[in-house]
mmCIF file of all heavy atoms, coordinates in Angstrom:
data_MODEL
# 
_entry.id   MODEL 
# 
loop_
_atom_site.group_PDB 
_atom_site.id 
_atom_site.type_symbol 
_atom_site.label_atom_id 
_atom_site.label_alt_id 
_atom_site.label_comp_id 
_atom_site.label_asym_id 
_atom_site.label_entity_id 
_atom_site.label_seq_id 
_atom_site.pdbx_PDB_ins_code 
_atom_site.Cartn_x 
_atom_site.Cartn_y 
_atom_site.Cartn_z 
_atom_site.occupancy 
_atom_site.B_iso_or_equiv 
_atom_site.pdbx_formal_charge 
_atom_site.auth_seq_id 
_atom_site.auth_comp_id 
_atom_site.auth_asym_id 
_atom_site.auth_atom_id 
_atom_site.pdbx_PDB_model_num 
ATOM 1   N N   . LEU A 1 1  ? 14.247 20.659 4.713   1.00 0.00 ? 1  LEU A N   1 
ATOM 2   C CA  . LEU A 1 1  ? 13.927 20.970 3.330   1.00 0.00 ? 1  LEU A CA  1 
ATOM 3   C C   . LEU A 1 1  ? 13.988 22.475 3.130   1.00 0.00 ? 1  LEU A C   1 
ATOM 4   O O   . LEU A 1 1  ? 13.350 23.219 3.845   1.00 0.00 ? 1  LEU A O   1 
ATOM 5   C CB  . LEU A 1 1  ? 12.544 20.447 2.956   1.00 0.00 ? 1  LEU A CB  1 
ATOM 6   C CG  . LEU A 1 1  ? 12.261 18.943 3.187   1.00 0.00 ? 1  LEU A CG  1 
ATOM 7   C CD1 . LEU A 1 1  ? 10.848 18.599 2.733   1.00 0.00 ? 1  LEU A CD1 1 
ATOM 8   C CD2 . LEU A 1 1  ? 13.280 18.084 2.441   1.00 0.00 ? 1  LEU A CD2 1 
ATOM 9   N N   . ASP A 1 2  ? 14.747 22.916 2.134   1.00 0.00 ? 2  ASP A N   1 
ATOM 10  C CA  . ASP A 1 2  ? 14.870 24.342 1.829   1.00 0.00 ? 2  ASP A CA  1 
ATOM 11  C C   . ASP A 1 2  ? 13.531 24.899 1.356   1.00 0.00 ? 2  ASP A C   1 
ATOM 12  O O   . ASP A 1 2  ? 13.042 24.495 0.298   1.00 0.00 ? 2  ASP A O   1 
ATOM 13  C CB  . ASP A 1 2  ? 15.942 24.535 0.772   1.00 0.00 ? 2  ASP A CB  1 
ATOM 14  C CG  . ASP A 1 2  ? 16.310 26.004 0.560   1.00 0.00 ? 2  ASP A CG  1 
ATOM 15  O OD1 . ASP A 1 2  ? 15.496 26.866 0.930   1.00 0.00 ? 2  ASP A OD1 1 
ATOM 16  O OD2 . ASP A 1 2  ? 17.390 26.276 0.018   1.00 0.00 ? 2  ASP A OD2 1 
ATOM 17  N N   . PRO A 1 3  ? 12.897 25.817 2.118   1.00 0.00 ? 3  PRO A N   1 
ATOM 18  C CA  . PRO A 1 3  ? 11.592 26.315 1.702   1.00 0.00 ? 3  PRO A CA  1 
ATOM 19  C C   . PRO A 1 3  ? 11.600 27.112 0.419   1.00 0.00 ? 3  PRO A C   1 
ATOM 20  O O   . PRO A 1 3  ? 10.550 27.379 -0.178  1.00 0.00 ? 3  PRO A O   1 
ATOM 21  C CB  . PRO A 1 3  ? 11.169 27.188 2.918   1.00 0.00 ? 3  PRO A CB  1 
ATOM 22  C CG  . PRO A 1 3  ? 12.478 27.605 3.539   1.00 0.00 ? 3  PRO A CG  1 
ATOM 23  C CD  . PRO A 1 3  ? 13.406 26.437 3.343   1.00 0.00 ? 3  PRO A CD  1 
ATOM 24  N N   . ARG A 1 4  ? 12.786 27.567 -0.015  1.00 0.00 ? 4  ARG A N   1 
ATOM 25  C CA  . ARG A 1 4  ? 12.855 28.419 -1.218  1.00 0.00 ? 4  ARG A CA  1 
ATOM 26  C C   . ARG A 1 4  ? 13.056 27.598 -2.470  1.00 0.00 ? 4  ARG A C   1 
ATOM 27  O O   . ARG A 1 4  ? 13.040 28.120 -3.594  1.00 0.00 ? 4  ARG A O   1 
ATOM 28  C CB  . ARG A 1 4  ? 14.060 29.378 -1.077  1.00 0.00 ? 4  ARG A CB  1 
ATOM 29  C CG  . ARG A 1 4  ? 13.950 30.351 0.089   1.00 0.00 ? 4  ARG A CG  1 
ATOM 30  C CD  . ARG A 1 4  ? 15.239 31.059 0.363   1.00 0.00 ? 4  ARG A CD  1 
ATOM 31  N NE  . ARG A 1 4  ? 16.281 30.071 0.730   1.00 0.00 ? 4  ARG A NE  1 
ATOM 32  C CZ  . ARG A 1 4  ? 17.543 30.417 1.010   1.00 0.00 ? 4  ARG A CZ  1 
ATOM 33  N NH1 . ARG A 1 4  ? 17.913 31.703 0.963   1.00 0.00 ? 4  ARG A NH1 1 
ATOM 34  N NH2 . ARG A 1 4  ? 18.413 29.509 1.371   1.00 0.00 ? 4  ARG A NH2 1 
ATOM 35  N N   . GLN A 1 5  ? 13.235 26.278 -2.322  1.00 0.00 ? 5  GLN A N   1 
ATOM 36  C CA  . GLN A 1 5  ? 13.474 25.422 -3.481  1.00 0.00 ? 5  GLN A CA  1 
ATOM 37  C C   . GLN A 1 5  ? 12.236 24.530 -3.769  1.00 0.00 ? 5  GLN A C   1 
ATOM 38  O O   . GLN A 1 5  ? 11.549 24.136 -2.838  1.00 0.00 ? 5  GLN A O   1 
ATOM 39  C CB  . GLN A 1 5  ? 14.683 24.518 -3.259  1.00 0.00 ? 5  GLN A CB  1 
ATOM 40  C CG  . GLN A 1 5  ? 15.972 25.259 -2.946  1.00 0.00 ? 5  GLN A CG  1 
ATOM 41  C CD  . GLN A 1 5  ? 16.490 26.028 -4.161  1.00 0.00 ? 5  GLN A CD  1 
ATOM 42  O OE1 . GLN A 1 5  ? 16.072 25.803 -5.287  1.00 0.00 ? 5  GLN A OE1 1 
ATOM 43  N NE2 . GLN A 1 5  ? 17.410 26.953 -3.912  1.00 0.00 ? 5  GLN A NE2 1 
ATOM 44  N N   . LYS A 1 6  ? 12.006 24.266 -5.029  1.00 0.00 ? 6  LYS A N   1 
ATOM 45  C CA  . LYS A 1 6  ? 10.962 23.317 -5.386  1.00 0.00 ? 6  LYS A CA  1 
ATOM 46  C C   . LYS A 1 6  ? 11.419 21.889 -5.084  1.00 0.00 ? 6  LYS A C   1 
ATOM 47  O O   . LYS A 1 6  ? 12.616 21.612 -4.938  1.00 0.00 ? 6  LYS A O   1 
ATOM 48  C CB  . LYS A 1 6  ? 10.627 23.441 -6.866  1.00 0.00 ? 6  LYS A CB  1 
ATOM 49  C CG  . LYS A 1 6  ? 9.923  24.754 -7.215  1.00 0.00 ? 6  LYS A CG  1 
ATOM 50  C CD  . LYS A 1 6  ? 9.529  24.795 -8.696  1.00 0.00 ? 6  LYS A CD  1 
ATOM 51  C CE  . LYS A 1 6  ? 8.784  26.077 -9.013  1.00 0.00 ? 6  LYS A CE  1 
ATOM 52  N NZ  . LYS A 1 6  ? 8.371  26.134 -10.465 1.00 0.00 ? 6  LYS A NZ  1 
ATOM 53  N N   . VAL A 1 7  ? 10.453 20.999 -4.998  1.00 0.00 ? 7  VAL A N   1 
ATOM 54  C CA  . VAL A 1 7  ? 10.716 19.609 -4.630  1.00 0.00 ? 7  VAL A CA  1 
ATOM 55  C C   . VAL A 1 7  ? 11.704 18.994 -5.609  1.00 0.00 ? 7  VAL A C   1 
ATOM 56  O O   . VAL A 1 7  ? 12.596 18.242 -5.200  1.00 0.00 ? 7  VAL A O   1 
ATOM 57  C CB  . VAL A 1 7  ? 9.404  18.788 -4.571  1.00 0.00 ? 7  VAL A CB  1 
ATOM 58  C CG1 . VAL A 1 7  ? 9.709  17.317 -4.455  1.00 0.00 ? 7  VAL A CG1 1 
ATOM 59  C CG2 . VAL A 1 7  ? 8.558  19.279 -3.403  1.00 0.00 ? 7  VAL A CG2 1 
ATOM 60  N N   . GLU A 1 8  ? 11.602 19.330 -6.890  1.00 0.00 ? 8  GLU A N   1 
ATOM 61  C CA  . GLU A 1 8  ? 12.526 18.732 -7.863  1.00 0.00 ? 8  GLU A CA  1 
ATOM 62  C C   . GLU A 1 8  ? 13.956 19.060 -7.509  1.00 0.00 ? 8  GLU A C   1 
ATOM 63  O O   . GLU A 1 8  ? 14.844 18.201 -7.553  1.00 0.00 ? 8  GLU A O   1 
ATOM 64  C CB  . GLU A 1 8  ? 12.214 19.252 -9.259  1.00 0.00 ? 8  GLU A CB  1 
ATOM 65  C CG  . GLU A 1 8  ? 13.166 18.705 -10.322 1.00 0.00 ? 8  GLU A CG  1 
ATOM 66  C CD  . GLU A 1 8  ? 12.909 19.235 -11.718 1.00 0.00 ? 8  GLU A CD  1 
ATOM 67  O OE1 . GLU A 1 8  ? 11.901 19.994 -11.895 1.00 0.00 ? 8  GLU A OE1 1 
ATOM 68  O OE2 . GLU A 1 8  ? 13.688 18.923 -12.644 1.00 0.00 ? 8  GLU A OE2 1 
ATOM 69  N N   . ARG A 1 9  ? 14.225 20.321 -7.172  1.00 0.00 ? 9  ARG A N   1 
ATOM 70  C CA  . ARG A 1 9  ? 15.601 20.736 -6.835  1.00 0.00 ? 9  ARG A CA  1 
ATOM 71  C C   . ARG A 1 9  ? 16.049 20.049 -5.534  1.00 0.00 ? 9  ARG A C   1 
ATOM 72  O O   . ARG A 1 9  ? 17.214 19.628 -5.418  1.00 0.00 ? 9  ARG A O   1 
ATOM 73  C CB  . ARG A 1 9  ? 15.630 22.236 -6.679  1.00 0.00 ? 9  ARG A CB  1 
ATOM 74  C CG  . ARG A 1 9  ? 16.997 22.803 -6.211  1.00 0.00 ? 9  ARG A CG  1 
ATOM 75  C CD  . ARG A 1 9  ? 18.045 22.684 -7.328  1.00 0.00 ? 9  ARG A CD  1 
ATOM 76  N NE  . ARG A 1 9  ? 19.327 23.195 -6.896  1.00 0.00 ? 9  ARG A NE  1 
ATOM 77  C CZ  . ARG A 1 9  ? 19.675 24.475 -7.006  1.00 0.00 ? 9  ARG A CZ  1 
ATOM 78  N NH1 . ARG A 1 9  ? 18.800 25.366 -7.533  1.00 0.00 ? 9  ARG A NH1 1 
ATOM 79  N NH2 . ARG A 1 9  ? 20.844 24.881 -6.625  1.00 0.00 ? 9  ARG A NH2 1 
ATOM 80  N N   . ILE A 1 10 ? 15.144 19.920 -4.560  1.00 0.00 ? 10 ILE A N   1 
ATOM 81  C CA  . ILE A 1 10 ? 15.477 19.317 -3.284  1.00 0.00 ? 10 ILE A CA  1 
ATOM 82  C C   . ILE A 1 10 ? 15.847 17.844 -3.474  1.00 0.00 ? 10 ILE A C   1 
ATOM 83  O O   . ILE A 1 10 ? 16.857 17.368 -2.973  1.00 0.00 ? 10 ILE A O   1 
ATOM 84  C CB  . ILE A 1 10 ? 14.293 19.433 -2.298  1.00 0.00 ? 10 ILE A CB  1 
ATOM 85  C CG1 . ILE A 1 10 ? 14.111 20.913 -1.913  1.00 0.00 ? 10 ILE A CG1 1 
ATOM 86  C CG2 . ILE A 1 10 ? 14.536 18.594 -1.053  1.00 0.00 ? 10 ILE A CG2 1 
ATOM 87  C CD1 . ILE A 1 10 ? 12.860 21.180 -1.112  1.00 0.00 ? 10 ILE A CD1 1 
ATOM 88  N N   . VAL A 1 11 ? 15.013 17.114 -4.227  1.00 0.00 ? 11 VAL A N   1 
ATOM 89  C CA  . VAL A 1 11 ? 15.195 15.664 -4.381  1.00 0.00 ? 11 VAL A CA  1 
ATOM 90  C C   . VAL A 1 11 ? 16.407 15.353 -5.218  1.00 0.00 ? 11 VAL A C   1 
ATOM 91  O O   . VAL A 1 11 ? 17.118 14.367 -4.987  1.00 0.00 ? 11 VAL A O   1 
ATOM 92  C CB  . VAL A 1 11 ? 13.914 15.027 -4.947  1.00 0.00 ? 11 VAL A CB  1 
ATOM 93  C CG1 . VAL A 1 11 ? 14.132 13.562 -5.256  1.00 0.00 ? 11 VAL A CG1 1 
ATOM 94  C CG2 . VAL A 1 11 ? 12.756 15.170 -3.942  1.00 0.00 ? 11 VAL A CG2 1 
ATOM 95  N N   . THR A 1 12 ? 16.670 16.164 -6.244  1.00 0.00 ? 12 THR A N   1 
ATOM 96  C CA  . THR A 1 12 ? 17.783 15.887 -7.154  1.00 0.00 ? 12 THR A CA  1 
ATOM 97  C C   . THR A 1 12 ? 19.113 16.447 -6.680  1.00 0.00 ? 12 THR A C   1 
ATOM 98  O O   . THR A 1 12 ? 20.119 16.254 -7.354  1.00 0.00 ? 12 THR A O   1 
ATOM 99  C CB  . THR A 1 12 ? 17.485 16.425 -8.559  1.00 0.00 ? 12 THR A CB  1 
ATOM 100 O OG1 . THR A 1 12 ? 17.301 17.854 -8.488  1.00 0.00 ? 12 THR A OG1 1 
ATOM 101 C CG2 . THR A 1 12 ? 16.240 15.787 -9.147  1.00 0.00 ? 12 THR A CG2 1 
ATOM 102 N N   . GLU A 1 13 ? 19.135 17.111 -5.530  1.00 0.00 ? 13 GLU A N   1 
ATOM 103 C CA  . GLU A 1 13 ? 20.377 17.717 -5.049  1.00 0.00 ? 13 GLU A CA  1 
ATOM 104 C C   . GLU A 1 13 ? 21.524 16.711 -4.934  1.00 0.00 ? 13 GLU A C   1 
ATOM 105 O O   . GLU A 1 13 ? 22.651 17.025 -5.354  1.00 0.00 ? 13 GLU A O   1 
ATOM 106 C CB  . GLU A 1 13 ? 20.107 18.387 -3.703  1.00 0.00 ? 13 GLU A CB  1 
ATOM 107 C CG  . GLU A 1 13 ? 21.330 19.121 -3.146  1.00 0.00 ? 13 GLU A CG  1 
ATOM 108 C CD  . GLU A 1 13 ? 21.034 19.807 -1.832  1.00 0.00 ? 13 GLU A CD  1 
ATOM 109 O OE1 . GLU A 1 13 ? 19.935 19.590 -1.289  1.00 0.00 ? 13 GLU A OE1 1 
ATOM 110 O OE2 . GLU A 1 13 ? 21.906 20.547 -1.373  1.00 0.00 ? 13 GLU A OE2 1 
ATOM 111 N N   . PRO A 1 14 ? 21.298 15.473 -4.422  1.00 0.00 ? 14 PRO A N   1 
ATOM 112 C CA  . PRO A 1 14 ? 22.425 14.532 -4.374  1.00 0.00 ? 14 PRO A CA  1 
ATOM 113 C C   . PRO A 1 14 ? 22.970 14.171 -5.763  1.00 0.00 ? 14 PRO A C   1 
ATOM 114 O O   . PRO A 1 14 ? 24.178 13.988 -5.939  1.00 0.00 ? 14 PRO A O   1 
ATOM 115 C CB  . PRO A 1 14 ? 21.821 13.293 -3.687  1.00 0.00 ? 14 PRO A CB  1 
ATOM 116 C CG  . PRO A 1 14 ? 20.672 13.847 -2.878  1.00 0.00 ? 14 PRO A CG  1 
ATOM 117 C CD  . PRO A 1 14 ? 20.128 14.954 -3.695  1.00 0.00 ? 14 PRO A CD  1 
ATOM 118 N N   . LEU A 1 15 ? 22.076 14.073 -6.763  1.00 0.00 ? 15 LEU A N   1 
ATOM 119 C CA  . LEU A 1 15 ? 22.525 13.778 -8.126  1.00 0.00 ? 15 LEU A CA  1 
ATOM 120 C C   . LEU A 1 15 ? 23.324 14.957 -8.704  1.00 0.00 ? 15 LEU A C   1 
ATOM 121 O O   . LEU A 1 15 ? 24.331 14.756 -9.392  1.00 0.00 ? 15 LEU A O   1 
ATOM 122 C CB  . LEU A 1 15 ? 21.326 13.485 -9.028  1.00 0.00 ? 15 LEU A CB  1 
ATOM 123 C CG  . LEU A 1 15 ? 20.580 12.199 -8.770  1.00 0.00 ? 15 LEU A CG  1 
ATOM 124 C CD1 . LEU A 1 15 ? 19.410 12.062 -9.763  1.00 0.00 ? 15 LEU A CD1 1 
ATOM 125 C CD2 . LEU A 1 15 ? 21.471 10.983 -8.851  1.00 0.00 ? 15 LEU A CD2 1 
ATOM 126 N N   . SER A 1 16 ? 22.886 16.174 -8.383  1.00 0.00 ? 16 SER A N   1 
ATOM 127 C CA  . SER A 1 16 ? 23.605 17.344 -8.850  1.00 0.00 ? 16 SER A CA  1 
ATOM 128 C C   . SER A 1 16 ? 25.012 17.397 -8.274  1.00 0.00 ? 16 SER A C   1 
ATOM 129 O O   . SER A 1 16 ? 25.977 17.772 -8.951  1.00 0.00 ? 16 SER A O   1 
ATOM 130 C CB  . SER A 1 16 ? 22.832 18.612 -8.487  1.00 0.00 ? 16 SER A CB  1 
ATOM 131 O OG  . SER A 1 16 ? 21.552 18.635 -9.091  1.00 0.00 ? 16 SER A OG  1 
ATOM 132 N N   . ALA A 1 17 ? 25.135 17.001 -7.005  1.00 0.00 ? 17 ALA A N   1 
ATOM 133 C CA  . ALA A 1 17 ? 26.435 17.002 -6.351  1.00 0.00 ? 17 ALA A CA  1 
ATOM 134 C C   . ALA A 1 17 ? 27.389 15.984 -6.996  1.00 0.00 ? 17 ALA A C   1 
ATOM 135 O O   . ALA A 1 17 ? 28.580 16.229 -7.101  1.00 0.00 ? 17 ALA A O   1 
ATOM 136 C CB  . ALA A 1 17 ? 26.286 16.711 -4.865  1.00 0.00 ? 17 ALA A CB  1 
ATOM 137 N N   . LEU A 1 18 ? 26.808 14.874 -7.438  1.00 0.00 ? 18 LEU A N   1 
ATOM 138 C CA  . LEU A 1 18 ? 27.638 13.844 -8.097  1.00 0.00 ? 18 LEU A CA  1 
ATOM 139 C C   . LEU A 1 18 ? 27.970 14.255 -9.537  1.00 0.00 ? 18 LEU A C   1 
ATOM 140 O O   . LEU A 1 18 ? 28.986 13.824 -10.094 1.00 0.00 ? 18 LEU A O   1 
ATOM 141 C CB  . LEU A 1 18 ? 26.922 12.500 -8.085  1.00 0.00 ? 18 LEU A CB  1 
ATOM 142 C CG  . LEU A 1 18 ? 26.784 11.832 -6.709  1.00 0.00 ? 18 LEU A CG  1 
ATOM 143 C CD1 . LEU A 1 18 ? 25.869 10.613 -6.812  1.00 0.00 ? 18 LEU A CD1 1 
ATOM 144 C CD2 . LEU A 1 18 ? 28.115 11.446 -6.168  1.00 0.00 ? 18 LEU A CD2 1 
ATOM 145 N N   . GLY A 1 19 ? 27.078 15.034 -10.163 1.00 0.00 ? 19 GLY A N   1 
ATOM 146 C CA  . GLY A 1 19 ? 27.328 15.553 -11.483 1.00 0.00 ? 19 GLY A CA  1 
ATOM 147 C C   . GLY A 1 19 ? 27.391 14.506 -12.586 1.00 0.00 ? 19 GLY A C   1 
ATOM 148 O O   . GLY A 1 19 ? 28.146 14.649 -13.537 1.00 0.00 ? 19 GLY A O   1 
ATOM 149 N N   . LYS A 1 20 ? 26.550 13.472 -12.486 1.00 0.00 ? 20 LYS A N   1 
ATOM 150 C CA  . LYS A 1 20 ? 26.616 12.403 -13.484 1.00 0.00 ? 20 LYS A CA  1 
ATOM 151 C C   . LYS A 1 20 ? 25.313 12.190 -14.223 1.00 0.00 ? 20 LYS A C   1 
ATOM 152 O O   . LYS A 1 20 ? 25.122 11.142 -14.853 1.00 0.00 ? 20 LYS A O   1 
ATOM 153 C CB  . LYS A 1 20 ? 27.024 11.081 -12.782 1.00 0.00 ? 20 LYS A CB  1 
ATOM 154 C CG  . LYS A 1 20 ? 28.466 11.095 -12.310 1.00 0.00 ? 20 LYS A CG  1 
ATOM 155 C CD  . LYS A 1 20 ? 28.921 9.708  -11.875 1.00 0.00 ? 20 LYS A CD  1 
ATOM 156 C CE  . LYS A 1 20 ? 30.393 9.696  -11.573 1.00 0.00 ? 20 LYS A CE  1 
ATOM 157 N NZ  . LYS A 1 20 ? 30.861 8.347  -11.191 1.00 0.00 ? 20 LYS A NZ  1 
ATOM 158 N N   . ALA A 1 21 ? 24.406 13.139 -14.130 1.00 0.00 ? 21 ALA A N   1 
ATOM 159 C CA  . ALA A 1 21 ? 23.098 12.976 -14.825 1.00 0.00 ? 21 ALA A CA  1 
ATOM 160 C C   . ALA A 1 21 ? 22.677 14.332 -15.375 1.00 0.00 ? 21 ALA A C   1 
ATOM 161 O O   . ALA A 1 21 ? 22.905 15.351 -14.740 1.00 0.00 ? 21 ALA A O   1 
ATOM 162 C CB  . ALA A 1 21 ? 22.040 12.429 -13.864 1.00 0.00 ? 21 ALA A CB  1 
ATOM 163 N N   . SER A 1 22 ? 22.039 14.306 -16.552 1.00 0.00 ? 22 SER A N   1 
ATOM 164 C CA  . SER A 1 22 ? 21.527 15.532 -17.145 1.00 0.00 ? 22 SER A CA  1 
ATOM 165 C C   . SER A 1 22 ? 20.292 15.993 -16.384 1.00 0.00 ? 22 SER A C   1 
ATOM 166 O O   . SER A 1 22 ? 19.725 15.268 -15.588 1.00 0.00 ? 22 SER A O   1 
ATOM 167 C CB  . SER A 1 22 ? 21.194 15.293 -18.605 1.00 0.00 ? 22 SER A CB  1 
ATOM 168 O OG  . SER A 1 22 ? 20.087 14.408 -18.717 1.00 0.00 ? 22 SER A OG  1 
ATOM 169 N N   . ARG A 1 23 ? 19.853 17.202 -16.658 1.00 0.00 ? 23 ARG A N   1 
ATOM 170 C CA  . ARG A 1 23 ? 18.672 17.751 -16.005 1.00 0.00 ? 23 ARG A CA  1 
ATOM 171 C C   . ARG A 1 23 ? 17.436 16.889 -16.310 1.00 0.00 ? 23 ARG A C   1 
ATOM 172 O O   . ARG A 1 23 ? 16.612 16.619 -15.408 1.00 0.00 ? 23 ARG A O   1 
ATOM 173 C CB  . ARG A 1 23 ? 18.435 19.187 -16.477 1.00 0.00 ? 23 ARG A CB  1 
ATOM 174 C CG  . ARG A 1 23 ? 17.314 19.903 -15.762 1.00 0.00 ? 23 ARG A CG  1 
ATOM 175 C CD  . ARG A 1 23 ? 17.725 20.278 -14.356 1.00 0.00 ? 23 ARG A CD  1 
ATOM 176 N NE  . ARG A 1 23 ? 16.676 21.016 -13.686 1.00 0.00 ? 23 ARG A NE  1 
ATOM 177 C CZ  . ARG A 1 23 ? 16.578 22.338 -13.724 1.00 0.00 ? 23 ARG A CZ  1 
ATOM 178 N NH1 . ARG A 1 23 ? 17.465 23.080 -14.392 1.00 0.00 ? 23 ARG A NH1 1 
ATOM 179 N NH2 . ARG A 1 23 ? 15.612 22.973 -13.060 1.00 0.00 ? 23 ARG A NH2 1 
ATOM 180 N N   . THR A 1 24 ? 17.338 16.421 -17.516 1.00 0.00 ? 24 THR A N   1 
ATOM 181 C CA  . THR A 1 24 ? 16.191 15.573 -17.895 1.00 0.00 ? 24 THR A CA  1 
ATOM 182 C C   . THR A 1 24 ? 16.225 14.255 -17.155 1.00 0.00 ? 24 THR A C   1 
ATOM 183 O O   . THR A 1 24 ? 15.246 13.751 -16.647 1.00 0.00 ? 24 THR A O   1 
ATOM 184 C CB  . THR A 1 24 ? 16.193 15.301 -19.406 1.00 0.00 ? 24 THR A CB  1 
ATOM 185 O OG1 . THR A 1 24 ? 16.120 16.556 -20.104 1.00 0.00 ? 24 THR A OG1 1 
ATOM 186 C CG2 . THR A 1 24 ? 14.996 14.430 -19.808 1.00 0.00 ? 24 THR A CG2 1 
ATOM 187 N N   . GLU A 1 25 ? 17.434 13.653 -17.066 1.00 0.00 ? 25 GLU A N   1 
ATOM 188 C CA  . GLU A 1 25 ? 17.595 12.365 -16.349 1.00 0.00 ? 25 GLU A CA  1 
ATOM 189 C C   . GLU A 1 25 ? 17.326 12.545 -14.879 1.00 0.00 ? 25 GLU A C   1 
ATOM 190 O O   . GLU A 1 25 ? 16.696 11.681 -14.243 1.00 0.00 ? 25 GLU A O   1 
ATOM 191 C CB  . GLU A 1 25 ? 19.017 11.849 -16.582 1.00 0.00 ? 25 GLU A CB  1 
ATOM 192 C CG  . GLU A 1 25 ? 19.269 11.395 -18.002 1.00 0.00 ? 25 GLU A CG  1 
ATOM 193 C CD  . GLU A 1 25 ? 20.756 11.056 -18.254 1.00 0.00 ? 25 GLU A CD  1 
ATOM 194 O OE1 . GLU A 1 25 ? 21.611 11.636 -17.502 1.00 0.00 ? 25 GLU A OE1 1 
ATOM 195 O OE2 . GLU A 1 25 ? 21.074 10.254 -19.142 1.00 0.00 ? 25 GLU A OE2 1 
ATOM 196 N N   . GLN A 1 26 ? 17.747 13.674 -14.327 1.00 0.00 ? 26 GLN A N   1 
ATOM 197 C CA  . GLN A 1 26 ? 17.505 13.928 -12.911 1.00 0.00 ? 26 GLN A CA  1 
ATOM 198 C C   . GLN A 1 26 ? 16.006 14.030 -12.624 1.00 0.00 ? 26 GLN A C   1 
ATOM 199 O O   . GLN A 1 26 ? 15.522 13.466 -11.636 1.00 0.00 ? 26 GLN A O   1 
ATOM 200 C CB  . GLN A 1 26 ? 18.212 15.221 -12.484 1.00 0.00 ? 26 GLN A CB  1 
ATOM 201 C CG  . GLN A 1 26 ? 19.715 15.116 -12.413 1.00 0.00 ? 26 GLN A CG  1 
ATOM 202 C CD  . GLN A 1 26 ? 20.365 16.410 -11.921 1.00 0.00 ? 26 GLN A CD  1 
ATOM 203 O OE1 . GLN A 1 26 ? 19.730 17.225 -11.290 1.00 0.00 ? 26 GLN A OE1 1 
ATOM 204 N NE2 . GLN A 1 26 ? 21.651 16.567 -12.236 1.00 0.00 ? 26 GLN A NE2 1 
# 
């Protein structure tokens, strides 16, 4: 787990890579 990132960023990273959900949906 990246210590510089908040849990939200860590957990949603796979969704961000897929690029198919908005920030609110993530």
